[in-house]
Amino acid sequence: MPAESGPAVQDFYPEHLALCYGCGRLNEWGYRLKTRWDGDETVTRFTPEPYHTAVPGVVYGGLLASLVDCHSTATAAAALYRAEGREMDDGGPPHRCVTGTLTVRFVRPTPLGVELEVRGRVISVEGRRITVTSRLVAAGEVTVEADAVAFEVPEDFGVLRTDRANE
């Protein structure tokens, strides 16, 4: 299935975990990244706006770091489905991951005015711990490389628990 079609892993995040600025489908001000499988890699695309400027003509590094971060955690969630032999839309329990560590290497300036492609590759799945490497490509050039360790969170992660307020 081509990377531009089919379900994105973010489409299956539970509503209370779909608010992330980078990848939350329910965050109207966020990037709303969509991560899909493309063979053995995952891919997402994003086109920065002029206000994402670091210096004239160059994308702000914090934006780039957030793109590889969110793409890496989505790749980790997608990897958990694959490790279980499941499709994301099978109606089973959803997977959601958060960042444990993120190492970002800015290889060269990332130009504004072009679509960015982020590609992720799963290095390992060890229980709740998933290691991912990602690269960001702009105008055919790798401009950012990243390594992430993500951890799966329980489905009730982030839910306000008033019954535990006095613990």
N, C-alpha and C. Protein backbone atom coordinates (compact mmCIF):
# COMPACT_ATOMS: atom_id res chain seq x y z
N MET A 1 0.85 -1.18 0.00
CA MET A 1 0.00 0.00 0.00
C MET A 1 0.89 1.24 0.00
N PRO A 2 0.67 2.18 -0.90
CA PRO A 2 1.49 3.39 -0.93
C PRO A 2 1.38 4.18 0.37
N ALA A 3 2.44 4.89 0.69
CA ALA A 3 2.49 5.64 1.95
C ALA A 3 1.44 6.74 2.01
N GLU A 4 0.97 7.23 0.90
CA GLU A 4 0.02 8.34 0.90
C GLU A 4 -1.42 7.88 1.12
N SER A 5 -1.66 6.58 1.18
CA SER A 5 -3.02 6.11 1.38
C SER A 5 -3.07 5.16 2.56
N GLY A 6 -4.27 4.79 2.91
CA GLY A 6 -4.43 3.86 4.01
C GLY A 6 -4.40 4.58 5.35
N PRO A 7 -4.66 3.81 6.39
CA PRO A 7 -4.76 4.42 7.71
C PRO A 7 -3.40 4.91 8.23
N ALA A 8 -3.45 5.98 8.98
CA ALA A 8 -2.27 6.48 9.68
C ALA A 8 -2.36 6.03 11.13
N VAL A 9 -1.24 5.75 11.74
CA VAL A 9 -1.25 5.27 13.12
C VAL A 9 -1.93 6.27 14.05
N GLN A 10 -1.78 7.57 13.78
CA GLN A 10 -2.40 8.58 14.64
C GLN A 10 -3.93 8.54 14.60
N ASP A 11 -4.49 7.98 13.54
CA ASP A 11 -5.95 7.87 13.42
C ASP A 11 -6.54 6.96 14.50
N PHE A 12 -5.70 6.14 15.13
CA PHE A 12 -6.18 5.15 16.09
C PHE A 12 -5.78 5.46 17.52
N TYR A 13 -5.15 6.61 17.75
CA TYR A 13 -4.87 7.02 19.12
C TYR A 13 -6.19 7.28 19.83
N PRO A 14 -6.34 6.83 21.07
CA PRO A 14 -7.55 7.16 21.83
C PRO A 14 -7.71 8.68 21.92
N GLU A 15 -8.94 9.16 21.99
CA GLU A 15 -9.19 10.60 21.96
C GLU A 15 -8.38 11.37 22.99
N HIS A 16 -8.29 10.86 24.21
CA HIS A 16 -7.57 11.59 25.25
C HIS A 16 -6.05 11.58 25.01
N LEU A 17 -5.59 10.78 24.05
CA LEU A 17 -4.16 10.75 23.69
C LEU A 17 -3.94 11.26 22.27
N ALA A 18 -4.90 11.99 21.73
CA ALA A 18 -4.82 12.50 20.36
C ALA A 18 -4.74 14.02 20.34
N LEU A 19 -4.13 14.59 21.38
CA LEU A 19 -4.05 16.05 21.50
C LEU A 19 -2.65 16.59 21.30
N CYS A 20 -1.69 15.74 21.02
CA CYS A 20 -0.29 16.15 20.87
C CYS A 20 -0.18 17.25 19.82
N TYR A 21 0.66 18.24 20.12
CA TYR A 21 0.87 19.34 19.18
C TYR A 21 1.42 18.85 17.84
N GLY A 22 2.25 17.85 17.86
CA GLY A 22 2.84 17.35 16.63
C GLY A 22 1.95 16.39 15.86
N CYS A 23 1.35 15.46 16.56
CA CYS A 23 0.66 14.40 15.82
C CYS A 23 -0.79 14.20 16.23
N GLY A 24 -1.31 15.03 17.11
CA GLY A 24 -2.68 14.84 17.57
C GLY A 24 -3.71 15.26 16.54
N ARG A 25 -4.52 14.32 16.13
CA ARG A 25 -5.56 14.64 15.15
C ARG A 25 -6.60 15.59 15.71
N LEU A 26 -6.69 15.70 17.04
CA LEU A 26 -7.68 16.56 17.67
C LEU A 26 -7.12 17.92 18.09
N ASN A 27 -5.87 18.18 17.78
CA ASN A 27 -5.28 19.49 18.11
C ASN A 27 -5.36 20.37 16.88
N GLU A 28 -6.33 21.27 16.88
CA GLU A 28 -6.57 22.09 15.69
C GLU A 28 -5.42 23.02 15.35
N TRP A 29 -4.53 23.31 16.30
CA TRP A 29 -3.40 24.21 16.04
C TRP A 29 -2.11 23.45 15.76
N GLY A 30 -2.13 22.14 15.89
CA GLY A 30 -0.92 21.34 15.75
C GLY A 30 -0.59 20.98 14.31
N TYR A 31 0.44 20.18 14.16
CA TYR A 31 0.92 19.76 12.83
C TYR A 31 0.05 18.67 12.22
N ARG A 32 -0.60 17.86 13.08
CA ARG A 32 -1.46 16.76 12.62
C ARG A 32 -0.72 15.81 11.68
N LEU A 33 0.45 15.39 12.09
CA LEU A 33 1.24 14.46 11.28
C LEU A 33 0.48 13.15 11.07
N LYS A 34 0.73 12.53 9.94
CA LYS A 34 0.13 11.25 9.60
C LYS A 34 1.26 10.29 9.22
N THR A 35 1.46 9.29 10.05
CA THR A 35 2.53 8.33 9.84
C THR A 35 1.96 7.03 9.29
N ARG A 36 2.50 6.61 8.15
CA ARG A 36 2.03 5.38 7.50
C ARG A 36 3.22 4.51 7.13
N TRP A 37 2.96 3.23 7.02
CA TRP A 37 4.00 2.31 6.54
C TRP A 37 4.24 2.52 5.06
N ASP A 38 5.49 2.40 4.67
CA ASP A 38 5.91 2.39 3.28
C ASP A 38 6.97 1.30 3.20
N GLY A 39 6.53 0.06 3.02
CA GLY A 39 7.44 -1.07 3.08
C GLY A 39 7.91 -1.28 4.51
N ASP A 40 9.23 -1.31 4.71
CA ASP A 40 9.79 -1.50 6.04
C ASP A 40 10.06 -0.19 6.77
N GLU A 41 9.69 0.91 6.15
CA GLU A 41 9.86 2.21 6.77
C GLU A 41 8.50 2.87 6.97
N THR A 42 8.49 3.87 7.82
CA THR A 42 7.31 4.70 7.94
C THR A 42 7.63 6.05 7.32
N VAL A 43 6.58 6.74 6.92
CA VAL A 43 6.78 8.05 6.28
C VAL A 43 5.68 9.01 6.72
N THR A 44 6.07 10.25 6.87
CA THR A 44 5.12 11.35 7.05
C THR A 44 5.67 12.55 6.29
N ARG A 45 4.78 13.44 5.94
CA ARG A 45 5.19 14.63 5.18
C ARG A 45 4.64 15.87 5.88
N PHE A 46 5.40 16.96 5.76
CA PHE A 46 4.99 18.22 6.38
C PHE A 46 5.63 19.36 5.60
N THR A 47 4.86 20.40 5.34
CA THR A 47 5.39 21.58 4.68
C THR A 47 5.39 22.74 5.67
N PRO A 48 6.58 23.20 6.06
CA PRO A 48 6.65 24.32 7.01
C PRO A 48 6.09 25.61 6.40
N GLU A 49 5.59 26.44 7.26
CA GLU A 49 5.08 27.76 6.88
C GLU A 49 6.20 28.79 7.02
N PRO A 50 6.06 29.94 6.39
CA PRO A 50 7.09 30.98 6.52
C PRO A 50 7.41 31.37 7.97
N TYR A 51 6.42 31.25 8.86
CA TYR A 51 6.67 31.60 10.26
C TYR A 51 7.48 30.54 11.02
N HIS A 52 7.81 29.43 10.36
CA HIS A 52 8.68 28.41 10.96
C HIS A 52 10.16 28.71 10.69
N THR A 53 10.48 29.95 10.49
CA THR A 53 11.83 30.39 10.12
C THR A 53 12.77 30.42 11.32
N ALA A 54 14.00 29.98 11.08
CA ALA A 54 15.10 30.16 12.04
C ALA A 54 15.85 31.41 11.63
N VAL A 55 16.42 31.35 10.45
CA VAL A 55 17.05 32.50 9.77
C VAL A 55 16.46 32.50 8.37
N PRO A 56 16.57 33.59 7.64
CA PRO A 56 15.91 33.64 6.32
C PRO A 56 16.20 32.40 5.46
N GLY A 57 15.11 31.75 5.03
CA GLY A 57 15.22 30.61 4.14
C GLY A 57 15.48 29.27 4.80
N VAL A 58 15.58 29.25 6.13
CA VAL A 58 15.93 28.01 6.84
C VAL A 58 14.88 27.72 7.92
N VAL A 59 14.48 26.45 8.03
CA VAL A 59 13.47 26.02 9.00
C VAL A 59 14.08 26.00 10.41
N TYR A 60 13.28 26.43 11.36
CA TYR A 60 13.63 26.44 12.77
C TYR A 60 13.91 25.01 13.27
N GLY A 61 15.03 24.82 13.95
CA GLY A 61 15.44 23.50 14.42
C GLY A 61 14.50 22.86 15.40
N GLY A 62 13.83 23.66 16.23
CA GLY A 62 12.88 23.09 17.18
C GLY A 62 11.71 22.42 16.49
N LEU A 63 11.26 22.99 15.39
CA LEU A 63 10.21 22.36 14.59
C LEU A 63 10.71 21.03 14.05
N LEU A 64 11.92 21.02 13.52
CA LEU A 64 12.48 19.80 12.94
C LEU A 64 12.59 18.70 14.00
N ALA A 65 13.04 19.08 15.20
CA ALA A 65 13.15 18.11 16.28
C ALA A 65 11.78 17.55 16.65
N SER A 66 10.76 18.42 16.68
CA SER A 66 9.43 17.92 17.02
C SER A 66 8.88 17.00 15.92
N LEU A 67 9.21 17.26 14.67
CA LEU A 67 8.75 16.39 13.59
C LEU A 67 9.34 14.99 13.73
N VAL A 68 10.66 14.90 13.95
CA VAL A 68 11.27 13.57 14.08
C VAL A 68 10.83 12.90 15.38
N ASP A 69 10.56 13.69 16.41
CA ASP A 69 10.09 13.14 17.68
C ASP A 69 8.74 12.47 17.51
N CYS A 70 7.76 13.22 17.01
CA CYS A 70 6.41 12.66 16.85
C CYS A 70 6.37 11.53 15.84
N HIS A 71 7.16 11.66 14.79
CA HIS A 71 7.19 10.57 13.81
C HIS A 71 7.79 9.31 14.43
N SER A 72 8.79 9.48 15.27
CA SER A 72 9.42 8.33 15.91
C SER A 72 8.47 7.61 16.87
N THR A 73 7.70 8.37 17.66
CA THR A 73 6.78 7.71 18.58
C THR A 73 5.63 7.03 17.82
N ALA A 74 5.20 7.63 16.72
CA ALA A 74 4.17 6.99 15.90
C ALA A 74 4.73 5.73 15.25
N THR A 75 5.98 5.78 14.81
CA THR A 75 6.62 4.59 14.23
C THR A 75 6.70 3.49 15.28
N ALA A 76 7.01 3.87 16.51
CA ALA A 76 7.07 2.88 17.59
C ALA A 76 5.72 2.22 17.81
N ALA A 77 4.65 3.02 17.81
CA ALA A 77 3.30 2.46 17.97
C ALA A 77 2.97 1.53 16.81
N ALA A 78 3.29 1.95 15.60
CA ALA A 78 3.04 1.10 14.43
C ALA A 78 3.83 -0.20 14.52
N ALA A 79 5.04 -0.12 15.06
CA ALA A 79 5.87 -1.32 15.21
C ALA A 79 5.23 -2.32 16.18
N LEU A 80 4.57 -1.82 17.21
CA LEU A 80 3.90 -2.72 18.15
C LEU A 80 2.77 -3.49 17.47
N TYR A 81 2.01 -2.83 16.61
CA TYR A 81 0.98 -3.54 15.85
C TYR A 81 1.61 -4.63 15.00
N ARG A 82 2.67 -4.28 14.29
CA ARG A 82 3.34 -5.28 13.43
C ARG A 82 3.91 -6.43 14.24
N ALA A 83 4.49 -6.13 15.40
CA ALA A 83 5.07 -7.19 16.23
C ALA A 83 4.00 -8.17 16.70
N GLU A 84 2.77 -7.70 16.83
CA GLU A 84 1.65 -8.56 17.22
C GLU A 84 0.96 -9.20 16.03
N GLY A 85 1.40 -8.86 14.81
CA GLY A 85 0.75 -9.38 13.62
C GLY A 85 -0.63 -8.77 13.40
N ARG A 86 -0.84 -7.54 13.90
CA ARG A 86 -2.14 -6.89 13.83
C ARG A 86 -2.13 -5.76 12.82
N GLU A 87 -3.32 -5.47 12.30
CA GLU A 87 -3.55 -4.25 11.53
C GLU A 87 -4.00 -3.18 12.52
N MET A 88 -3.69 -1.94 12.21
CA MET A 88 -4.05 -0.86 13.13
C MET A 88 -5.56 -0.70 13.26
N ASP A 89 -6.30 -1.03 12.21
CA ASP A 89 -7.74 -0.82 12.22
C ASP A 89 -8.52 -2.08 12.55
N ASP A 90 -7.90 -3.02 13.28
CA ASP A 90 -8.57 -4.29 13.57
C ASP A 90 -9.53 -4.23 14.75
N GLY A 91 -9.66 -3.07 15.39
CA GLY A 91 -10.59 -2.93 16.51
C GLY A 91 -10.03 -3.38 17.84
N GLY A 92 -8.81 -3.91 17.84
CA GLY A 92 -8.19 -4.33 19.09
C GLY A 92 -7.68 -3.14 19.87
N PRO A 93 -7.03 -3.41 21.00
CA PRO A 93 -6.54 -2.30 21.82
C PRO A 93 -5.52 -1.44 21.06
N PRO A 94 -5.65 -0.13 21.17
CA PRO A 94 -4.73 0.76 20.46
C PRO A 94 -3.37 0.84 21.14
N HIS A 95 -2.37 1.21 20.37
CA HIS A 95 -1.03 1.44 20.91
C HIS A 95 -0.73 2.93 20.86
N ARG A 96 -0.06 3.43 21.89
CA ARG A 96 0.40 4.82 21.94
C ARG A 96 1.72 4.84 22.68
N CYS A 97 2.67 5.55 22.14
CA CYS A 97 4.01 5.62 22.73
C CYS A 97 4.39 7.06 23.02
N VAL A 98 5.31 7.22 23.96
CA VAL A 98 5.89 8.51 24.29
C VAL A 98 7.41 8.39 24.21
N THR A 99 8.06 9.53 24.12
CA THR A 99 9.51 9.58 23.98
C THR A 99 10.20 9.33 25.32
N GLY A 100 11.17 8.41 25.30
CA GLY A 100 12.05 8.21 26.46
C GLY A 100 13.32 9.02 26.27
N THR A 101 13.93 8.86 25.10
CA THR A 101 15.10 9.66 24.73
C THR A 101 15.01 10.01 23.26
N LEU A 102 15.61 11.14 22.92
CA LEU A 102 15.66 11.59 21.54
C LEU A 102 17.00 12.26 21.30
N THR A 103 17.73 11.75 20.34
CA THR A 103 19.00 12.34 19.94
C THR A 103 18.83 12.86 18.52
N VAL A 104 19.04 14.15 18.33
CA VAL A 104 18.83 14.79 17.03
C VAL A 104 20.16 15.33 16.53
N ARG A 105 20.46 15.03 15.27
CA ARG A 105 21.67 15.55 14.61
C ARG A 105 21.22 16.39 13.42
N PHE A 106 21.58 17.66 13.46
CA PHE A 106 21.27 18.56 12.35
C PHE A 106 22.43 18.47 11.37
N VAL A 107 22.19 17.81 10.24
CA VAL A 107 23.23 17.50 9.27
C VAL A 107 23.55 18.70 8.38
N ARG A 108 22.52 19.41 7.98
CA ARG A 108 22.68 20.62 7.15
C ARG A 108 21.42 21.45 7.30
N PRO A 109 21.46 22.72 6.94
CA PRO A 109 20.26 23.55 7.05
C PRO A 109 19.10 22.97 6.22
N THR A 110 17.91 23.08 6.78
CA THR A 110 16.71 22.61 6.10
C THR A 110 16.02 23.81 5.46
N PRO A 111 15.89 23.79 4.13
CA PRO A 111 15.31 24.96 3.45
C PRO A 111 13.81 25.09 3.67
N LEU A 112 13.37 26.32 3.78
CA LEU A 112 11.93 26.62 3.78
C LEU A 112 11.40 26.51 2.36
N GLY A 113 10.10 26.36 2.23
CA GLY A 113 9.49 26.40 0.90
C GLY A 113 9.41 25.06 0.19
N VAL A 114 9.80 23.97 0.87
CA VAL A 114 9.69 22.65 0.26
C VAL A 114 9.00 21.70 1.25
N GLU A 115 8.37 20.68 0.70
CA GLU A 115 7.77 19.66 1.54
C GLU A 115 8.89 18.84 2.19
N LEU A 116 8.71 18.56 3.47
CA LEU A 116 9.66 17.73 4.20
C LEU A 116 9.11 16.32 4.30
N GLU A 117 9.99 15.35 4.16
CA GLU A 117 9.60 13.95 4.31
C GLU A 117 10.41 13.38 5.47
N VAL A 118 9.71 12.76 6.41
CA VAL A 118 10.38 12.10 7.52
C VAL A 118 10.17 10.61 7.35
N ARG A 119 11.27 9.87 7.40
CA ARG A 119 11.22 8.41 7.28
C ARG A 119 11.78 7.78 8.53
N GLY A 120 11.09 6.77 9.03
CA GLY A 120 11.51 6.07 10.23
C GLY A 120 11.74 4.60 9.96
N ARG A 121 12.66 4.04 10.73
CA ARG A 121 12.95 2.60 10.64
C ARG A 121 13.04 2.06 12.05
N VAL A 122 12.36 0.95 12.29
CA VAL A 122 12.37 0.32 13.60
C VAL A 122 13.68 -0.46 13.76
N ILE A 123 14.38 -0.19 14.84
CA ILE A 123 15.62 -0.91 15.13
C ILE A 123 15.33 -2.11 16.02
N SER A 124 14.50 -1.92 17.04
CA SER A 124 14.17 -3.04 17.92
C SER A 124 12.85 -2.79 18.64
N VAL A 125 12.20 -3.89 18.98
CA VAL A 125 11.01 -3.88 19.82
C VAL A 125 11.30 -4.84 20.96
N GLU A 126 11.38 -4.30 22.16
CA GLU A 126 11.68 -5.09 23.35
C GLU A 126 10.61 -4.81 24.39
N GLY A 127 9.50 -5.53 24.30
CA GLY A 127 8.39 -5.27 25.20
C GLY A 127 7.81 -3.90 24.93
N ARG A 128 7.76 -3.05 25.97
CA ARG A 128 7.23 -1.69 25.85
C ARG A 128 8.26 -0.72 25.27
N ARG A 129 9.50 -1.14 25.10
CA ARG A 129 10.60 -0.26 24.66
C ARG A 129 10.89 -0.49 23.18
N ILE A 130 10.75 0.59 22.41
CA ILE A 130 10.95 0.50 20.95
C ILE A 130 12.01 1.51 20.57
N THR A 131 12.99 1.06 19.78
CA THR A 131 14.05 1.95 19.31
C THR A 131 13.83 2.22 17.83
N VAL A 132 13.91 3.50 17.46
CA VAL A 132 13.61 3.94 16.09
C VAL A 132 14.70 4.89 15.63
N THR A 133 15.06 4.82 14.37
CA THR A 133 15.93 5.83 13.77
C THR A 133 15.13 6.52 12.67
N SER A 134 15.30 7.82 12.57
CA SER A 134 14.55 8.60 11.57
C SER A 134 15.48 9.55 10.84
N ARG A 135 15.05 9.91 9.66
CA ARG A 135 15.78 10.93 8.89
C ARG A 135 14.77 11.84 8.22
N LEU A 136 15.13 13.11 8.16
CA LEU A 136 14.27 14.11 7.53
C LEU A 136 14.94 14.52 6.23
N VAL A 137 14.17 14.50 5.15
CA VAL A 137 14.68 14.81 3.82
C VAL A 137 13.97 16.04 3.29
N ALA A 138 14.76 16.99 2.78
CA ALA A 138 14.23 18.21 2.17
C ALA A 138 14.91 18.39 0.83
N ALA A 139 14.14 18.53 -0.23
CA ALA A 139 14.69 18.74 -1.57
C ALA A 139 15.73 17.67 -1.92
N GLY A 140 15.44 16.43 -1.54
CA GLY A 140 16.32 15.31 -1.88
C GLY A 140 17.54 15.13 -1.00
N GLU A 141 17.71 15.98 0.00
CA GLU A 141 18.88 15.93 0.88
C GLU A 141 18.46 15.58 2.31
N VAL A 142 19.21 14.69 2.95
CA VAL A 142 18.99 14.43 4.38
C VAL A 142 19.51 15.64 5.14
N THR A 143 18.63 16.24 5.94
CA THR A 143 19.03 17.43 6.70
C THR A 143 19.06 17.18 8.20
N VAL A 144 18.31 16.16 8.65
CA VAL A 144 18.24 15.84 10.07
C VAL A 144 18.23 14.32 10.21
N GLU A 145 18.95 13.83 11.21
CA GLU A 145 18.92 12.42 11.58
C GLU A 145 18.58 12.35 13.06
N ALA A 146 17.87 11.31 13.46
CA ALA A 146 17.47 11.19 14.86
C ALA A 146 17.39 9.73 15.28
N ASP A 147 17.69 9.51 16.54
CA ASP A 147 17.51 8.20 17.17
C ASP A 147 16.62 8.41 18.37
N ALA A 148 15.63 7.54 18.53
CA ALA A 148 14.68 7.68 19.63
C ALA A 148 14.45 6.33 20.29
N VAL A 149 14.24 6.41 21.59
CA VAL A 149 13.73 5.27 22.34
C VAL A 149 12.36 5.71 22.84
N ALA A 150 11.36 4.95 22.46
CA ALA A 150 9.98 5.26 22.85
C ALA A 150 9.46 4.14 23.74
N PHE A 151 8.48 4.49 24.54
CA PHE A 151 7.87 3.53 25.44
C PHE A 151 6.36 3.55 25.25
N GLU A 152 5.77 2.34 25.20
CA GLU A 152 4.32 2.27 25.13
C GLU A 152 3.73 2.68 26.47
N VAL A 153 2.63 3.42 26.41
CA VAL A 153 1.93 3.83 27.63
C VAL A 153 0.61 3.08 27.70
N PRO A 154 0.09 2.90 28.91
CA PRO A 154 -1.22 2.24 29.02
C PRO A 154 -2.32 3.11 28.44
N GLU A 155 -3.42 2.50 28.08
CA GLU A 155 -4.51 3.23 27.43
C GLU A 155 -5.06 4.35 28.31
N ASP A 156 -4.97 4.21 29.63
CA ASP A 156 -5.49 5.26 30.50
C ASP A 156 -4.43 6.32 30.85
N PHE A 157 -3.29 6.27 30.21
CA PHE A 157 -2.24 7.28 30.42
C PHE A 157 -2.80 8.65 30.08
N GLY A 158 -2.58 9.61 30.95
CA GLY A 158 -3.04 10.96 30.69
C GLY A 158 -4.45 11.24 31.14
N VAL A 159 -5.16 10.24 31.60
CA VAL A 159 -6.52 10.45 32.08
C VAL A 159 -6.43 10.94 33.52
N LEU A 160 -7.10 12.04 33.80
CA LEU A 160 -7.12 12.58 35.15
C LEU A 160 -7.79 11.57 36.07
N ARG A 161 -7.07 11.18 37.08
CA ARG A 161 -7.59 10.17 38.01
C ARG A 161 -7.93 10.83 39.34
N THR A 162 -9.16 11.25 39.53
CA THR A 162 -9.56 11.91 40.76
C THR A 162 -9.60 10.93 41.93
N ASP A 163 -9.74 9.63 41.65
CA ASP A 163 -9.79 8.64 42.71
C ASP A 163 -8.43 8.44 43.37
N ARG A 164 -7.36 8.99 42.78
CA ARG A 164 -6.02 8.82 43.33
C ARG A 164 -5.47 10.14 43.87
N ALA A 165 -6.30 11.16 43.94
CA ALA A 165 -5.84 12.49 44.33
C ALA A 165 -5.25 12.53 45.74
N ASN A 166 -5.70 11.69 46.65
CA ASN A 166 -5.22 11.73 48.03
C ASN A 166 -4.12 10.73 48.31
N GLU A 167 -3.60 10.08 47.30
CA GLU A 167 -2.53 9.09 47.51
C GLU A 167 -1.20 9.76 47.72
